[in-house]
N, C-alpha and C. Protein backbone atom coordinates (compact mmCIF):
# COMPACT_ATOMS: atom_id res chain seq x y z
N MET A 1 40.08 83.23 -97.55
CA MET A 1 38.96 83.55 -96.62
C MET A 1 37.86 83.93 -97.59
N SER A 2 37.95 84.82 -98.36
CA SER A 2 37.11 85.23 -99.33
C SER A 2 36.42 84.00 -100.20
N GLY A 3 37.22 82.91 -100.21
CA GLY A 3 36.59 81.74 -101.05
C GLY A 3 35.71 80.98 -100.26
N ARG A 4 36.13 80.99 -98.76
CA ARG A 4 35.47 80.34 -97.95
C ARG A 4 33.90 80.99 -97.93
N LEU A 5 33.94 82.56 -97.83
CA LEU A 5 32.75 83.22 -97.66
C LEU A 5 32.00 82.89 -98.78
N LEU A 6 32.66 82.88 -100.00
CA LEU A 6 31.67 83.01 -101.39
C LEU A 6 31.21 81.46 -101.25
N LEU A 7 31.87 80.44 -100.88
CA LEU A 7 31.42 79.14 -100.77
C LEU A 7 30.20 79.26 -99.68
N LEU A 8 30.20 79.80 -98.74
CA LEU A 8 29.44 79.70 -97.71
C LEU A 8 27.99 80.31 -98.40
N ALA A 9 28.04 81.45 -98.93
CA ALA A 9 27.12 82.31 -99.56
C ALA A 9 26.46 81.34 -100.53
N ALA A 10 27.09 80.65 -101.07
CA ALA A 10 26.59 79.85 -102.25
C ALA A 10 25.72 78.66 -101.65
N PHE A 11 26.25 78.08 -100.75
CA PHE A 11 25.80 77.12 -100.13
C PHE A 11 24.28 77.77 -99.15
N ILE A 12 24.33 78.66 -98.66
CA ILE A 12 23.06 79.40 -98.23
C ILE A 12 22.07 79.69 -99.35
N ALA A 13 22.47 79.92 -100.39
CA ALA A 13 21.69 80.83 -101.51
C ALA A 13 20.86 79.10 -102.03
N LEU A 14 21.78 78.16 -102.16
CA LEU A 14 21.26 76.70 -102.61
C LEU A 14 20.25 76.11 -101.88
N ILE A 15 20.57 76.37 -100.45
CA ILE A 15 19.43 75.91 -99.48
C ILE A 15 18.28 76.77 -99.59
N ALA A 16 18.36 77.98 -99.67
CA ALA A 16 17.13 78.90 -99.83
C ALA A 16 16.74 78.43 -101.01
N VAL A 17 17.19 78.26 -102.39
CA VAL A 17 16.51 77.95 -103.44
C VAL A 17 15.61 76.53 -103.33
N LEU A 18 16.27 75.71 -102.46
CA LEU A 18 15.72 74.33 -102.29
C LEU A 18 14.60 74.42 -101.34
N VAL A 19 14.57 75.19 -100.26
CA VAL A 19 13.44 75.25 -99.40
C VAL A 19 12.41 76.34 -100.13
N GLU A 20 12.69 77.08 -100.93
CA GLU A 20 11.38 77.92 -101.62
C GLU A 20 10.97 76.87 -102.75
N TRP A 21 11.71 76.10 -103.42
CA TRP A 21 11.16 75.14 -104.17
C TRP A 21 10.24 74.13 -103.75
N ARG A 22 10.50 73.54 -102.51
CA ARG A 22 9.83 72.57 -101.66
C ARG A 22 8.66 73.36 -101.36
N LEU A 23 8.70 74.28 -100.90
CA LEU A 23 7.44 74.87 -100.19
C LEU A 23 6.50 75.59 -101.20
N PHE A 24 7.19 75.91 -102.73
CA PHE A 24 5.80 76.69 -103.35
C PHE A 24 5.77 75.99 -104.69
N ASP A 25 6.60 75.23 -104.91
CA ASP A 25 6.42 74.42 -106.23
C ASP A 25 5.64 73.01 -106.37
N ARG A 26 5.71 72.66 -104.80
CA ARG A 26 5.04 71.42 -104.40
C ARG A 26 3.53 71.32 -104.45
N GLU A 27 3.05 70.24 -105.10
CA GLU A 27 1.39 70.15 -105.36
C GLU A 27 0.93 70.00 -103.78
N VAL A 28 -0.10 70.47 -103.45
CA VAL A 28 -0.77 70.31 -102.38
C VAL A 28 -1.49 68.86 -102.31
N THR A 29 -1.22 68.26 -101.35
CA THR A 29 -1.89 66.92 -101.32
C THR A 29 -2.83 66.79 -100.42
N THR A 30 -4.19 66.27 -100.66
CA THR A 30 -4.96 66.05 -99.86
C THR A 30 -5.17 64.41 -99.48
N PRO A 31 -5.62 64.44 -98.29
CA PRO A 31 -5.88 62.75 -97.66
C PRO A 31 -6.79 61.97 -98.76
N ALA A 32 -6.32 60.90 -99.36
CA ALA A 32 -7.23 60.11 -100.38
C ALA A 32 -8.49 59.85 -99.61
N GLY A 33 -9.56 60.29 -100.25
CA GLY A 33 -10.80 59.93 -99.86
C GLY A 33 -11.16 60.62 -98.59
N ASP A 34 -11.97 61.34 -98.40
CA ASP A 34 -12.43 62.36 -97.24
C ASP A 34 -13.23 61.41 -96.52
N ALA A 35 -12.77 60.28 -95.71
CA ALA A 35 -13.56 59.48 -95.12
C ALA A 35 -13.92 60.07 -93.81
N GLU A 36 -15.33 60.07 -93.53
CA GLU A 36 -16.09 60.59 -92.44
C GLU A 36 -15.65 59.77 -91.17
N ARG A 37 -15.37 60.28 -90.18
CA ARG A 37 -15.03 59.56 -88.98
C ARG A 37 -16.13 59.85 -87.99
N PRO A 38 -16.71 58.93 -87.15
CA PRO A 38 -17.69 59.01 -86.35
C PRO A 38 -17.33 60.22 -85.33
N GLY A 39 -18.17 60.83 -84.70
CA GLY A 39 -17.96 61.72 -83.71
C GLY A 39 -17.69 60.89 -82.75
N TYR A 40 -18.07 59.90 -82.12
CA TYR A 40 -17.72 58.98 -81.19
C TYR A 40 -17.95 57.65 -81.52
N TYR A 41 -17.26 56.44 -81.05
CA TYR A 41 -17.84 55.20 -81.29
C TYR A 41 -17.47 54.50 -79.84
N LEU A 42 -18.34 53.75 -79.29
CA LEU A 42 -18.42 53.13 -78.05
C LEU A 42 -18.64 51.68 -78.17
N THR A 43 -18.42 50.81 -77.13
CA THR A 43 -18.63 49.58 -76.99
C THR A 43 -19.04 49.36 -75.73
N GLY A 44 -19.93 48.24 -75.54
CA GLY A 44 -20.41 47.92 -74.19
C GLY A 44 -21.16 48.83 -73.67
N ILE A 45 -22.52 49.11 -74.09
CA ILE A 45 -23.26 50.59 -73.74
C ILE A 45 -24.11 50.10 -72.56
N ASN A 46 -24.35 50.58 -71.30
CA ASN A 46 -25.44 50.24 -70.59
C ASN A 46 -25.91 51.77 -70.18
N LEU A 47 -27.22 51.89 -70.51
CA LEU A 47 -27.84 53.39 -70.13
C LEU A 47 -28.86 53.04 -69.27
N GLU A 48 -29.31 53.70 -68.28
CA GLU A 48 -30.64 53.54 -67.46
C GLU A 48 -31.57 54.88 -67.35
N ASP A 49 -32.66 54.81 -67.43
CA ASP A 49 -33.58 56.10 -67.38
C ASP A 49 -34.60 55.65 -66.10
N PHE A 50 -34.62 56.80 -65.23
CA PHE A 50 -35.43 56.49 -64.10
C PHE A 50 -36.76 57.47 -64.13
N GLY A 51 -37.84 56.78 -63.66
CA GLY A 51 -39.09 57.53 -63.54
C GLY A 51 -39.03 58.72 -62.39
N ALA A 52 -40.21 59.46 -62.45
CA ALA A 52 -40.54 60.45 -61.23
C ALA A 52 -40.28 59.86 -59.93
N ASP A 53 -40.63 58.51 -60.14
CA ASP A 53 -40.52 57.84 -58.47
C ASP A 53 -39.28 57.25 -58.16
N GLY A 54 -38.33 57.61 -59.07
CA GLY A 54 -36.95 57.15 -58.76
C GLY A 54 -36.69 55.64 -59.21
N ASN A 55 -37.52 54.83 -59.64
CA ASN A 55 -37.52 53.30 -60.05
C ASN A 55 -36.88 53.42 -61.51
N PRO A 56 -36.44 52.32 -61.85
CA PRO A 56 -35.92 52.14 -63.23
C PRO A 56 -36.93 52.12 -64.20
N ARG A 57 -37.01 53.01 -65.10
CA ARG A 57 -38.07 52.68 -65.89
C ARG A 57 -37.70 52.37 -67.45
N LEU A 58 -36.35 52.53 -67.81
CA LEU A 58 -35.87 52.13 -69.25
C LEU A 58 -34.30 51.82 -69.05
N ALA A 59 -33.87 50.50 -69.46
CA ALA A 59 -32.68 50.18 -69.40
C ALA A 59 -32.14 49.61 -70.93
N LEU A 60 -31.17 50.18 -71.62
CA LEU A 60 -30.48 50.05 -72.88
C LEU A 60 -29.28 49.61 -72.64
N GLN A 61 -29.06 48.44 -73.60
CA GLN A 61 -27.78 47.68 -73.57
C GLN A 61 -27.54 47.68 -75.10
N ALA A 62 -26.13 47.84 -75.69
CA ALA A 62 -25.95 47.76 -76.87
C ALA A 62 -24.45 47.26 -77.01
N ALA A 63 -24.16 46.42 -77.66
CA ALA A 63 -22.84 46.11 -78.49
C ALA A 63 -22.15 47.44 -78.82
N THR A 64 -22.41 48.41 -79.84
CA THR A 64 -21.53 49.13 -80.03
C THR A 64 -22.60 50.47 -80.37
N ALA A 65 -22.12 51.65 -80.30
CA ALA A 65 -22.77 52.90 -80.76
C ALA A 65 -21.65 53.85 -81.49
N ASP A 66 -22.25 54.31 -82.74
CA ASP A 66 -21.55 55.35 -83.34
C ASP A 66 -22.32 56.51 -83.85
N GLU A 67 -21.77 57.76 -83.58
CA GLU A 67 -22.38 59.03 -83.93
C GLU A 67 -21.88 59.37 -85.39
N GLU A 68 -22.84 59.87 -86.04
CA GLU A 68 -22.68 60.37 -87.46
C GLU A 68 -22.29 61.86 -87.32
N PRO A 69 -21.01 62.36 -87.62
CA PRO A 69 -20.94 63.69 -87.34
C PRO A 69 -21.94 64.92 -87.70
N VAL A 70 -22.44 64.52 -89.14
CA VAL A 70 -23.14 65.58 -89.61
C VAL A 70 -24.50 65.59 -89.00
N SER A 71 -25.03 64.56 -88.95
CA SER A 71 -26.36 64.52 -88.60
C SER A 71 -26.52 64.50 -86.76
N GLY A 72 -25.67 64.08 -86.38
CA GLY A 72 -25.59 63.70 -84.83
C GLY A 72 -26.28 62.69 -84.46
N ALA A 73 -27.23 61.80 -85.51
CA ALA A 73 -27.92 60.67 -85.13
C ALA A 73 -26.65 59.76 -84.63
N VAL A 74 -27.23 58.64 -83.86
CA VAL A 74 -26.14 57.67 -82.93
C VAL A 74 -26.86 56.26 -83.51
N THR A 75 -26.22 55.52 -84.18
CA THR A 75 -26.44 54.12 -84.29
C THR A 75 -26.07 53.30 -83.36
N LEU A 76 -26.87 52.29 -83.03
CA LEU A 76 -26.66 51.28 -81.89
C LEU A 76 -26.58 49.88 -82.67
N ARG A 77 -25.91 49.02 -82.21
CA ARG A 77 -26.04 47.54 -82.52
C ARG A 77 -26.11 46.69 -81.82
N GLU A 78 -26.85 45.29 -82.09
CA GLU A 78 -27.10 44.42 -80.89
C GLU A 78 -27.94 45.02 -79.74
N VAL A 79 -29.00 45.43 -79.93
CA VAL A 79 -29.86 46.15 -78.89
C VAL A 79 -30.61 45.39 -78.04
N VAL A 80 -30.60 45.90 -76.82
CA VAL A 80 -31.86 45.20 -75.60
C VAL A 80 -32.17 46.31 -74.74
N VAL A 81 -33.46 46.41 -74.90
CA VAL A 81 -34.11 47.51 -74.14
C VAL A 81 -35.09 46.92 -73.11
N ASP A 82 -34.81 47.18 -72.08
CA ASP A 82 -36.01 46.51 -70.88
C ASP A 82 -36.83 47.88 -70.43
N TYR A 83 -37.98 47.57 -70.40
CA TYR A 83 -38.88 48.66 -70.43
C TYR A 83 -39.86 48.37 -69.02
N GLN A 84 -40.21 49.14 -68.04
CA GLN A 84 -40.94 48.96 -67.03
C GLN A 84 -42.08 49.93 -67.07
N SER A 85 -43.11 49.37 -67.32
CA SER A 85 -44.41 50.41 -67.36
C SER A 85 -44.81 50.75 -65.82
N PHE A 86 -45.55 51.95 -65.89
CA PHE A 86 -46.14 52.25 -64.53
C PHE A 86 -46.99 51.39 -63.81
N GLU A 87 -47.55 50.48 -64.74
CA GLU A 87 -48.43 49.38 -64.11
C GLU A 87 -47.61 48.09 -63.64
N GLY A 88 -46.48 48.26 -63.77
CA GLY A 88 -45.63 47.17 -63.01
C GLY A 88 -45.32 46.02 -64.18
N GLN A 89 -45.68 46.19 -65.31
CA GLN A 89 -45.49 45.25 -66.22
C GLN A 89 -43.94 45.46 -66.91
N SER A 90 -43.24 44.53 -67.28
CA SER A 90 -41.88 44.61 -67.76
C SER A 90 -41.87 44.10 -69.23
N TRP A 91 -41.34 44.61 -70.16
CA TRP A 91 -41.43 44.41 -71.57
C TRP A 91 -39.78 44.41 -72.01
N ARG A 92 -39.30 43.38 -72.75
CA ARG A 92 -37.88 43.25 -73.30
C ARG A 92 -38.07 43.59 -74.51
N LEU A 93 -37.33 44.40 -75.30
CA LEU A 93 -37.22 44.74 -76.74
C LEU A 93 -36.02 44.24 -77.31
N THR A 94 -35.57 43.80 -78.34
CA THR A 94 -34.13 43.34 -79.09
C THR A 94 -34.27 43.82 -80.44
N SER A 95 -33.27 44.12 -80.89
CA SER A 95 -33.00 44.19 -82.31
C SER A 95 -31.49 44.25 -82.85
N ALA A 96 -31.36 43.92 -84.16
CA ALA A 96 -30.28 44.01 -84.41
C ALA A 96 -29.36 45.30 -84.51
N GLU A 97 -30.46 46.55 -84.83
CA GLU A 97 -29.64 47.84 -84.84
C GLU A 97 -31.03 48.70 -84.23
N ALA A 98 -30.58 50.01 -84.11
CA ALA A 98 -31.27 51.13 -83.84
C ALA A 98 -30.61 52.36 -83.89
N ARG A 99 -31.51 53.00 -84.50
CA ARG A 99 -31.00 54.77 -84.80
C ARG A 99 -31.80 55.68 -83.85
N VAL A 100 -31.14 56.60 -83.25
CA VAL A 100 -31.66 57.64 -82.38
C VAL A 100 -31.09 58.94 -83.14
N PRO A 101 -32.16 59.47 -83.55
CA PRO A 101 -31.63 61.19 -84.12
C PRO A 101 -31.30 61.93 -83.01
N ARG A 102 -30.38 63.15 -83.21
CA ARG A 102 -29.87 63.84 -82.20
C ARG A 102 -31.09 64.72 -81.70
N GLY A 103 -31.03 64.39 -80.25
CA GLY A 103 -31.80 65.22 -79.46
C GLY A 103 -33.37 64.78 -79.40
N ALA A 104 -33.59 63.63 -80.00
CA ALA A 104 -34.84 62.99 -80.29
C ALA A 104 -35.21 61.92 -79.28
N VAL A 105 -36.36 61.56 -79.09
CA VAL A 105 -37.17 60.79 -78.02
C VAL A 105 -37.62 59.40 -79.00
N ILE A 106 -37.59 59.55 -80.25
CA ILE A 106 -37.88 58.60 -81.05
C ILE A 106 -36.55 57.35 -81.48
N VAL A 107 -37.06 56.06 -81.31
CA VAL A 107 -35.89 55.29 -81.59
C VAL A 107 -36.34 54.39 -82.74
N GLU A 108 -35.54 54.22 -83.80
CA GLU A 108 -36.19 53.13 -84.75
C GLU A 108 -35.28 51.81 -84.89
N PHE A 109 -36.07 51.11 -84.50
CA PHE A 109 -35.37 49.88 -84.44
C PHE A 109 -35.50 48.95 -85.76
N GLU A 110 -34.23 48.33 -86.27
CA GLU A 110 -34.44 47.58 -87.42
C GLU A 110 -33.70 46.26 -87.49
N GLY A 111 -34.46 45.09 -87.87
CA GLY A 111 -33.61 43.96 -88.06
C GLY A 111 -33.80 42.90 -86.94
N ASP A 112 -34.75 41.95 -87.26
CA ASP A 112 -35.10 40.90 -86.02
C ASP A 112 -35.75 41.59 -84.93
N VAL A 113 -36.75 42.40 -84.96
CA VAL A 113 -37.16 43.01 -83.86
C VAL A 113 -38.24 42.30 -83.10
N ARG A 114 -38.02 41.91 -81.69
CA ARG A 114 -38.81 41.26 -80.82
C ARG A 114 -38.80 41.97 -79.59
N MET A 115 -40.37 41.88 -79.27
CA MET A 115 -40.71 42.35 -78.02
C MET A 115 -41.54 41.65 -77.27
N SER A 116 -40.92 41.32 -76.16
CA SER A 116 -41.64 39.96 -75.30
C SER A 116 -42.24 40.74 -73.74
N GLY A 117 -42.97 40.27 -73.36
CA GLY A 117 -43.24 40.35 -71.79
C GLY A 117 -44.78 39.78 -71.61
N GLN A 118 -45.04 39.85 -70.34
CA GLN A 118 -46.28 39.24 -69.74
C GLN A 118 -47.35 40.31 -70.19
N VAL A 119 -48.35 39.58 -70.94
CA VAL A 119 -49.76 40.12 -71.24
C VAL A 119 -50.73 40.03 -70.52
N GLY A 120 -51.25 40.93 -69.74
CA GLY A 120 -52.60 40.73 -68.85
C GLY A 120 -52.46 39.49 -68.06
N GLU A 121 -53.69 38.73 -68.01
CA GLU A 121 -53.62 37.43 -67.06
C GLU A 121 -53.38 36.21 -67.89
N LEU A 122 -52.71 36.42 -69.07
CA LEU A 122 -52.47 35.04 -69.80
C LEU A 122 -51.24 34.51 -69.04
N PRO A 123 -51.41 33.23 -68.94
CA PRO A 123 -50.26 32.71 -68.07
C PRO A 123 -48.86 32.46 -68.90
N GLU A 124 -48.87 32.54 -70.10
CA GLU A 124 -47.43 32.65 -70.59
C GLU A 124 -47.00 33.90 -71.48
N PRO A 125 -46.05 34.37 -71.28
CA PRO A 125 -45.86 35.60 -71.84
C PRO A 125 -45.83 35.87 -73.55
N GLY A 126 -46.14 37.10 -74.02
CA GLY A 126 -46.50 37.25 -75.34
C GLY A 126 -45.20 37.93 -76.02
N GLU A 127 -45.07 37.44 -77.28
CA GLU A 127 -43.92 38.21 -78.17
C GLU A 127 -44.66 38.80 -79.53
N MET A 128 -43.99 39.69 -79.87
CA MET A 128 -43.95 40.30 -81.31
C MET A 128 -42.85 40.38 -82.17
N ARG A 129 -43.14 40.17 -83.29
CA ARG A 129 -41.74 39.91 -83.97
C ARG A 129 -42.19 41.09 -85.38
N THR A 130 -41.10 41.67 -85.73
CA THR A 130 -41.27 42.26 -86.94
C THR A 130 -39.68 42.62 -87.52
N ALA A 131 -39.69 43.43 -88.73
CA ALA A 131 -38.44 43.68 -89.03
C ALA A 131 -38.16 45.18 -88.77
N ARG A 132 -39.19 45.82 -88.32
CA ARG A 132 -38.84 47.12 -88.16
C ARG A 132 -39.85 47.98 -86.99
N LEU A 133 -39.34 48.66 -86.02
CA LEU A 133 -40.24 49.30 -85.07
C LEU A 133 -39.66 50.68 -84.65
N ILE A 134 -40.57 51.52 -84.40
CA ILE A 134 -40.29 52.85 -83.93
C ILE A 134 -41.01 52.95 -82.63
N LEU A 135 -40.27 53.30 -81.71
CA LEU A 135 -40.51 53.63 -80.23
C LEU A 135 -40.47 54.93 -79.98
N ASP A 136 -41.64 55.63 -79.36
CA ASP A 136 -41.43 57.04 -78.95
C ASP A 136 -41.61 56.94 -77.58
N THR A 137 -40.44 57.08 -77.03
CA THR A 137 -40.17 57.07 -75.34
C THR A 137 -41.04 58.14 -74.50
N ALA A 138 -41.20 59.16 -75.07
CA ALA A 138 -41.80 60.43 -74.73
C ALA A 138 -43.44 60.12 -74.43
N GLU A 139 -44.00 59.60 -75.49
CA GLU A 139 -45.46 59.40 -75.54
C GLU A 139 -45.56 57.78 -75.19
N GLU A 140 -44.49 56.79 -74.95
CA GLU A 140 -44.46 55.53 -74.70
C GLU A 140 -45.59 54.89 -75.78
N HIS A 141 -45.35 55.09 -77.10
CA HIS A 141 -46.04 54.42 -77.94
C HIS A 141 -44.88 53.50 -78.82
N ALA A 142 -45.31 52.42 -79.73
CA ALA A 142 -44.66 51.91 -80.52
C ALA A 142 -45.34 51.69 -81.73
N ARG A 143 -44.73 51.72 -82.94
CA ARG A 143 -45.70 51.49 -84.09
C ARG A 143 -44.72 50.98 -85.37
N THR A 144 -45.49 50.49 -86.26
CA THR A 144 -44.69 49.68 -87.51
C THR A 144 -45.68 49.58 -88.60
N ARG A 145 -45.26 49.65 -89.64
CA ARG A 145 -45.71 49.37 -90.89
C ARG A 145 -45.38 48.11 -91.55
N ALA A 146 -44.69 47.43 -91.09
CA ALA A 146 -44.12 46.58 -91.72
C ALA A 146 -45.07 44.94 -91.14
N ALA A 147 -44.90 43.81 -91.50
CA ALA A 147 -45.61 42.69 -91.28
C ALA A 147 -44.97 42.35 -89.72
N VAL A 148 -46.20 41.95 -88.99
CA VAL A 148 -45.95 41.49 -87.50
C VAL A 148 -46.49 40.26 -87.39
N THR A 149 -45.97 39.54 -86.52
CA THR A 149 -46.43 38.17 -85.82
C THR A 149 -46.25 38.22 -84.53
N LEU A 150 -47.56 38.02 -83.82
CA LEU A 150 -47.62 38.22 -82.44
C LEU A 150 -48.22 36.62 -82.17
N SER A 151 -47.52 36.30 -80.83
CA SER A 151 -47.51 35.01 -80.22
C SER A 151 -47.89 34.91 -78.85
N PHE A 152 -49.01 34.38 -78.32
CA PHE A 152 -49.38 34.24 -77.02
C PHE A 152 -49.59 32.81 -76.81
N GLY A 153 -48.37 32.17 -76.00
CA GLY A 153 -48.50 30.82 -75.89
C GLY A 153 -48.59 30.17 -77.04
N ARG A 154 -49.59 29.26 -77.26
CA ARG A 154 -49.87 28.48 -78.62
C ARG A 154 -50.70 29.53 -79.70
N HIS A 155 -51.10 30.63 -79.31
CA HIS A 155 -51.97 31.40 -80.20
C HIS A 155 -50.88 32.34 -81.10
N ILE A 156 -51.30 32.34 -82.54
CA ILE A 156 -50.47 33.05 -83.26
C ILE A 156 -51.45 33.76 -84.17
N MET A 157 -50.79 35.34 -84.36
CA MET A 157 -51.64 36.21 -85.18
C MET A 157 -50.63 36.79 -86.30
N HIS A 158 -50.77 36.92 -87.46
CA HIS A 158 -50.05 37.79 -88.48
C HIS A 158 -51.08 39.06 -88.87
N ALA A 159 -50.27 39.87 -88.94
CA ALA A 159 -50.71 41.33 -89.56
C ALA A 159 -49.89 42.17 -90.32
N ARG A 160 -50.31 43.33 -90.96
CA ARG A 160 -49.18 44.48 -91.59
C ARG A 160 -49.63 45.50 -90.62
N GLY A 161 -48.62 46.10 -89.77
CA GLY A 161 -48.76 47.30 -89.23
C GLY A 161 -49.53 47.06 -87.83
N LEU A 162 -48.91 47.72 -87.09
CA LEU A 162 -49.56 47.73 -85.36
C LEU A 162 -49.03 48.95 -84.68
N ARG A 163 -49.95 49.26 -83.80
CA ARG A 163 -49.75 50.40 -82.90
C ARG A 163 -50.01 49.89 -81.60
N VAL A 164 -48.91 50.11 -80.64
CA VAL A 164 -49.03 50.06 -79.32
C VAL A 164 -48.87 51.04 -78.21
N ASP A 165 -49.77 51.23 -77.35
CA ASP A 165 -49.85 52.31 -76.44
C ASP A 165 -49.15 51.38 -74.89
N LEU A 166 -47.98 51.77 -74.82
CA LEU A 166 -47.37 51.10 -73.48
C LEU A 166 -48.23 51.56 -72.22
N LYS A 167 -48.24 52.60 -72.09
CA LYS A 167 -49.09 53.38 -70.93
C LYS A 167 -50.33 52.57 -70.79
N GLU A 168 -51.14 52.49 -71.86
CA GLU A 168 -52.57 52.03 -71.57
C GLU A 168 -52.55 50.48 -71.59
N GLY A 169 -51.25 49.86 -72.20
CA GLY A 169 -51.31 48.29 -72.44
C GLY A 169 -52.12 47.82 -73.58
N ARG A 170 -52.36 48.72 -74.75
CA ARG A 170 -53.46 48.50 -75.88
C ARG A 170 -52.07 48.28 -77.19
N LEU A 171 -52.67 47.38 -77.74
CA LEU A 171 -52.27 46.58 -79.16
C LEU A 171 -53.31 47.03 -80.15
N ARG A 172 -52.89 47.48 -81.27
CA ARG A 172 -53.97 47.74 -82.29
C ARG A 172 -53.29 47.24 -83.56
N LEU A 173 -53.68 46.01 -84.19
CA LEU A 173 -53.08 45.63 -85.49
C LEU A 173 -53.83 46.39 -86.51
N GLU A 174 -53.13 46.75 -87.59
CA GLU A 174 -53.41 47.67 -88.53
C GLU A 174 -54.40 47.18 -89.70
N SER A 175 -53.78 45.80 -90.53
CA SER A 175 -54.32 45.27 -91.46
C SER A 175 -53.97 44.24 -91.73
N ASN A 176 -54.83 43.13 -92.85
CA ASN A 176 -54.19 41.90 -93.16
C ASN A 176 -54.03 40.87 -91.70
N VAL A 177 -55.09 41.00 -90.93
CA VAL A 177 -54.91 40.45 -89.67
C VAL A 177 -55.37 38.95 -89.80
N HIS A 178 -54.62 37.77 -89.80
CA HIS A 178 -54.85 36.60 -89.79
C HIS A 178 -54.56 35.82 -88.53
N GLY A 179 -55.30 34.94 -87.76
CA GLY A 179 -54.89 34.38 -86.50
C GLY A 179 -55.28 32.93 -86.63
N LEU A 180 -54.61 32.18 -85.77
CA LEU A 180 -54.78 30.64 -85.33
C LEU A 180 -54.67 30.41 -83.84
N PHE A 181 -55.69 30.25 -83.43
CA PHE A 181 -56.10 30.11 -82.00
C PHE A 181 -56.10 28.47 -81.50
N ILE A 182 -55.16 27.72 -81.06
CA ILE A 182 -55.12 26.31 -80.91
C ILE A 182 -55.75 26.40 -79.50
N PRO A 183 -56.78 25.48 -79.08
CA PRO A 183 -57.45 25.29 -77.72
C PRO A 183 -56.47 24.57 -76.99
């Protein structure tokens, strides 16, 4: 019986040594590459913003959205924004990507940015194309320093940089303005 107790004590001591060795002499392993994971990742986004009168003012659609956890900025892909001005004009803005900083009213569109809508009394809609556009949703202004192409029916203008006041319906080209107006 004492032999069995001695064997049991030796077995428990062996287990204790193995457990201690596995817990204390083992290298601490860290996951390979501290890959940042997004705060969230969404697909099929549809957001709407309503004006003070209760009518839709801004509708945003995007294929995907993901949040950068450190900055809180959200990156949208395959973006479509429909905007209704107070004067009843409607505009559509599309781009490959958009970035919205945390809590900001500024949206930075990038990649084949197109903005189209009815311009004043012209019979055909107008279109603006550029590589990058910054939209201030609070002030209802849009701007870019990139090359811009404007087309109104058969009329085409090229410029570098523009500013648009969406409330007033005013557009100002910044520099290197060249136009072709076909009768």
